[in-house]
């Protein structure tokens, strides 16, 4: 089995965990998103769940991989911007 679907399932599970236990993500989300941290936790959870599901399905895998790259860029820019 390819590693990408396994990584997708793990990413989707992590995304769902943002809703089940949002407090687990506050410490890592607050520095990058100090305003409305809980809203960003749920937004990130939604994005991670969608990308993870996309990585599992072969028909959407390329699109989801592009989404992962964009999402990582978004997180990096947000983290750098919040440190200024």
N, C-alpha and C. Protein backbone atom coordinates (compact mmCIF):
# COMPACT_ATOMS: atom_id res chain seq x y z
N UNK A 1 0.85 -1.19 0.00
CA UNK A 1 0.00 0.00 0.00
C UNK A 1 0.89 1.25 0.00
N UNK A 2 0.49 2.22 -0.78
CA UNK A 2 1.24 3.47 -0.86
C UNK A 2 1.17 4.23 0.46
N UNK A 3 2.18 5.02 0.71
CA UNK A 3 2.23 5.80 1.95
C UNK A 3 1.30 7.01 1.90
N UNK A 4 0.99 7.50 0.71
CA UNK A 4 0.16 8.69 0.61
C UNK A 4 -1.24 8.46 1.18
N UNK A 5 -1.93 7.37 0.85
CA UNK A 5 -3.25 7.16 1.47
C UNK A 5 -3.18 7.02 2.99
N UNK A 6 -2.12 6.41 3.48
CA UNK A 6 -1.97 6.27 4.94
C UNK A 6 -1.76 7.65 5.57
N UNK A 7 -0.92 8.46 4.92
CA UNK A 7 -0.71 9.83 5.42
C UNK A 7 -2.00 10.62 5.33
N UNK A 8 -2.78 10.40 4.27
CA UNK A 8 -4.07 11.07 4.13
C UNK A 8 -5.04 10.70 5.25
N UNK A 9 -5.09 9.41 5.57
CA UNK A 9 -5.96 8.97 6.66
C UNK A 9 -5.51 9.58 7.99
N UNK A 10 -4.21 9.65 8.20
CA UNK A 10 -3.69 10.27 9.44
C UNK A 10 -4.01 11.76 9.47
N UNK A 11 -3.88 12.44 8.33
CA UNK A 11 -4.19 13.86 8.27
C UNK A 11 -5.68 14.10 8.52
N UNK A 12 -6.53 13.27 7.93
CA UNK A 12 -7.97 13.39 8.15
C UNK A 12 -8.32 13.16 9.62
N UNK A 13 -7.70 12.16 10.24
CA UNK A 13 -7.95 11.89 11.66
C UNK A 13 -7.49 13.06 12.53
N UNK A 14 -6.35 13.65 12.17
CA UNK A 14 -5.88 14.82 12.92
C UNK A 14 -6.84 15.98 12.73
N UNK A 15 -7.33 16.15 11.51
CA UNK A 15 -8.32 17.20 11.26
C UNK A 15 -9.57 17.02 12.10
N UNK A 16 -10.05 15.81 12.19
CA UNK A 16 -11.24 15.54 13.01
C UNK A 16 -10.97 15.76 14.49
N UNK A 17 -9.75 15.50 14.90
CA UNK A 17 -9.39 15.72 16.31
C UNK A 17 -9.49 17.20 16.70
N UNK A 18 -9.35 18.10 15.72
CA UNK A 18 -9.51 19.53 16.00
C UNK A 18 -10.91 19.83 16.54
N UNK A 19 -11.89 19.03 16.15
CA UNK A 19 -13.26 19.23 16.61
C UNK A 19 -13.55 18.46 17.90
N UNK A 20 -12.96 17.29 18.02
CA UNK A 20 -13.21 16.46 19.20
C UNK A 20 -12.48 17.00 20.43
N UNK A 21 -11.25 17.48 20.25
CA UNK A 21 -10.43 17.98 21.37
C UNK A 21 -9.71 19.26 20.94
N UNK A 22 -10.43 20.34 20.72
CA UNK A 22 -9.78 21.56 20.22
C UNK A 22 -8.73 22.13 21.18
N UNK A 23 -8.88 21.86 22.45
CA UNK A 23 -7.91 22.38 23.43
C UNK A 23 -6.51 21.81 23.20
N UNK A 24 -6.40 20.64 22.58
CA UNK A 24 -5.09 20.06 22.29
C UNK A 24 -4.31 20.90 21.29
N UNK A 25 -5.01 21.70 20.50
CA UNK A 25 -4.37 22.45 19.43
C UNK A 25 -4.18 23.93 19.76
N UNK A 26 -4.66 24.35 20.92
CA UNK A 26 -4.57 25.78 21.28
C UNK A 26 -3.12 26.25 21.40
N UNK A 27 -2.27 25.48 22.04
CA UNK A 27 -0.89 25.91 22.27
C UNK A 27 -0.11 26.07 20.97
N UNK A 28 -0.39 25.25 19.97
CA UNK A 28 0.35 25.38 18.71
C UNK A 28 -0.33 26.32 17.73
N UNK A 29 -1.62 26.60 17.93
CA UNK A 29 -2.35 27.49 17.03
C UNK A 29 -2.27 28.94 17.47
N UNK A 30 -2.29 29.19 18.75
CA UNK A 30 -2.32 30.57 19.26
C UNK A 30 -1.15 31.44 18.80
N UNK A 31 0.09 30.94 18.75
CA UNK A 31 1.17 31.82 18.29
C UNK A 31 0.99 32.31 16.85
N UNK A 32 0.49 31.47 15.97
CA UNK A 32 0.30 31.86 14.57
C UNK A 32 -1.01 32.61 14.36
N UNK A 33 -1.99 32.31 15.19
CA UNK A 33 -3.32 32.91 15.07
C UNK A 33 -3.79 33.40 16.44
N UNK A 34 -3.20 34.50 16.93
CA UNK A 34 -3.52 34.94 18.29
C UNK A 34 -4.95 35.47 18.44
N UNK A 35 -5.54 35.96 17.38
CA UNK A 35 -6.92 36.45 17.44
C UNK A 35 -7.86 35.36 16.95
N UNK A 36 -8.91 35.12 17.69
CA UNK A 36 -9.90 34.10 17.32
C UNK A 36 -9.25 32.73 17.14
N UNK A 37 -8.45 32.34 18.10
CA UNK A 37 -7.71 31.08 18.01
C UNK A 37 -8.64 29.89 17.79
N UNK A 38 -9.74 29.83 18.52
CA UNK A 38 -10.63 28.67 18.39
C UNK A 38 -11.21 28.59 16.98
N UNK A 39 -11.55 29.71 16.40
CA UNK A 39 -12.08 29.70 15.03
C UNK A 39 -11.03 29.14 14.07
N UNK A 40 -9.78 29.51 14.27
CA UNK A 40 -8.71 29.01 13.41
C UNK A 40 -8.46 27.52 13.64
N UNK A 41 -8.64 27.06 14.85
CA UNK A 41 -8.51 25.62 15.12
C UNK A 41 -9.55 24.87 14.30
N UNK A 42 -10.78 25.34 14.30
CA UNK A 42 -11.83 24.67 13.53
C UNK A 42 -11.59 24.79 12.02
N UNK A 43 -11.10 25.95 11.58
CA UNK A 43 -10.80 26.13 10.16
C UNK A 43 -9.69 25.18 9.73
N UNK A 44 -8.63 25.12 10.52
CA UNK A 44 -7.53 24.21 10.20
C UNK A 44 -7.99 22.75 10.23
N UNK A 45 -8.85 22.41 11.17
CA UNK A 45 -9.39 21.06 11.23
C UNK A 45 -10.19 20.70 9.98
N UNK A 46 -10.98 21.66 9.51
CA UNK A 46 -11.75 21.43 8.29
C UNK A 46 -10.84 21.22 7.09
N UNK A 47 -9.83 22.09 6.97
CA UNK A 47 -8.89 21.98 5.85
C UNK A 47 -8.14 20.65 5.91
N UNK A 48 -7.65 20.28 7.07
CA UNK A 48 -6.88 19.04 7.21
C UNK A 48 -7.74 17.82 6.93
N UNK A 49 -8.99 17.84 7.38
CA UNK A 49 -9.88 16.71 7.11
C UNK A 49 -10.13 16.57 5.62
N UNK A 50 -10.43 17.68 4.96
CA UNK A 50 -10.70 17.64 3.52
C UNK A 50 -9.47 17.19 2.72
N UNK A 51 -8.31 17.73 3.06
CA UNK A 51 -7.09 17.34 2.35
C UNK A 51 -6.77 15.87 2.60
N UNK A 52 -6.95 15.42 3.83
CA UNK A 52 -6.69 14.01 4.15
C UNK A 52 -7.58 13.07 3.36
N UNK A 53 -8.86 13.38 3.29
CA UNK A 53 -9.78 12.55 2.51
C UNK A 53 -9.39 12.59 1.04
N UNK A 54 -8.98 13.76 0.56
CA UNK A 54 -8.54 13.87 -0.83
C UNK A 54 -7.31 13.04 -1.13
N UNK A 55 -6.42 12.92 -0.18
CA UNK A 55 -5.21 12.11 -0.38
C UNK A 55 -5.51 10.61 -0.41
N UNK A 56 -6.56 10.20 0.26
CA UNK A 56 -6.90 8.77 0.30
C UNK A 56 -7.45 8.30 -1.06
N UNK A 57 -8.26 9.12 -1.69
CA UNK A 57 -8.90 8.72 -2.96
C UNK A 57 -7.96 8.97 -4.14
N UNK A 58 -7.68 7.96 -4.95
CA UNK A 58 -6.75 8.13 -6.09
C UNK A 58 -7.21 9.21 -7.08
N UNK A 59 -8.51 9.37 -7.24
CA UNK A 59 -9.03 10.33 -8.21
C UNK A 59 -8.75 11.78 -7.80
N UNK A 60 -8.57 12.05 -6.53
CA UNK A 60 -8.39 13.42 -6.05
C UNK A 60 -6.99 13.65 -5.46
N UNK A 61 -6.14 12.67 -5.55
CA UNK A 61 -4.84 12.73 -4.88
C UNK A 61 -3.96 13.88 -5.38
N UNK A 62 -3.87 14.09 -6.69
CA UNK A 62 -3.02 15.17 -7.21
C UNK A 62 -3.54 16.53 -6.77
N UNK A 63 -4.83 16.71 -6.82
CA UNK A 63 -5.44 17.97 -6.38
C UNK A 63 -5.18 18.19 -4.89
N UNK A 64 -5.32 17.13 -4.11
CA UNK A 64 -5.10 17.24 -2.66
C UNK A 64 -3.63 17.53 -2.35
N UNK A 65 -2.71 16.94 -3.10
CA UNK A 65 -1.28 17.23 -2.89
C UNK A 65 -0.99 18.70 -3.16
N UNK A 66 -1.59 19.27 -4.19
CA UNK A 66 -1.43 20.70 -4.45
C UNK A 66 -2.03 21.50 -3.29
N UNK A 67 -3.15 21.04 -2.76
CA UNK A 67 -3.77 21.70 -1.62
C UNK A 67 -2.89 21.66 -0.38
N UNK A 68 -2.22 20.54 -0.16
CA UNK A 68 -1.31 20.41 0.99
C UNK A 68 -0.18 21.43 0.87
N UNK A 69 0.37 21.58 -0.32
CA UNK A 69 1.45 22.55 -0.53
C UNK A 69 0.94 23.96 -0.22
N UNK A 70 -0.23 24.29 -0.73
CA UNK A 70 -0.82 25.60 -0.46
C UNK A 70 -1.11 25.81 1.01
N UNK A 71 -1.62 24.79 1.65
CA UNK A 71 -1.94 24.88 3.09
C UNK A 71 -0.68 25.08 3.91
N UNK A 72 0.38 24.36 3.60
CA UNK A 72 1.65 24.55 4.31
C UNK A 72 2.18 25.97 4.12
N UNK A 73 2.06 26.48 2.91
CA UNK A 73 2.47 27.86 2.66
C UNK A 73 1.67 28.85 3.48
N UNK A 74 0.38 28.63 3.56
CA UNK A 74 -0.51 29.48 4.36
C UNK A 74 -0.11 29.45 5.84
N UNK A 75 0.18 28.27 6.35
CA UNK A 75 0.58 28.16 7.76
C UNK A 75 1.92 28.86 8.02
N UNK A 76 2.87 28.69 7.11
CA UNK A 76 4.19 29.31 7.27
C UNK A 76 4.07 30.83 7.23
N UNK A 77 3.34 31.35 6.26
CA UNK A 77 3.17 32.80 6.16
C UNK A 77 2.48 33.34 7.41
N UNK A 78 1.47 32.65 7.89
CA UNK A 78 0.76 33.10 9.09
C UNK A 78 1.67 33.10 10.31
N UNK A 79 2.49 32.08 10.45
CA UNK A 79 3.41 32.00 11.59
C UNK A 79 4.45 33.11 11.54
N UNK A 80 5.00 33.35 10.35
CA UNK A 80 6.02 34.41 10.21
C UNK A 80 5.39 35.78 10.45
N UNK A 81 4.22 36.01 9.91
CA UNK A 81 3.55 37.30 10.07
C UNK A 81 3.22 37.58 11.53
N UNK A 82 2.85 36.57 12.29
CA UNK A 82 2.47 36.79 13.68
C UNK A 82 3.67 37.08 14.57
N UNK A 83 4.88 36.77 14.12
CA UNK A 83 6.08 37.00 14.92
C UNK A 83 6.63 38.41 14.73
N UNK A 84 6.08 39.17 13.81
CA UNK A 84 6.56 40.54 13.57
C UNK A 84 6.03 41.50 14.59
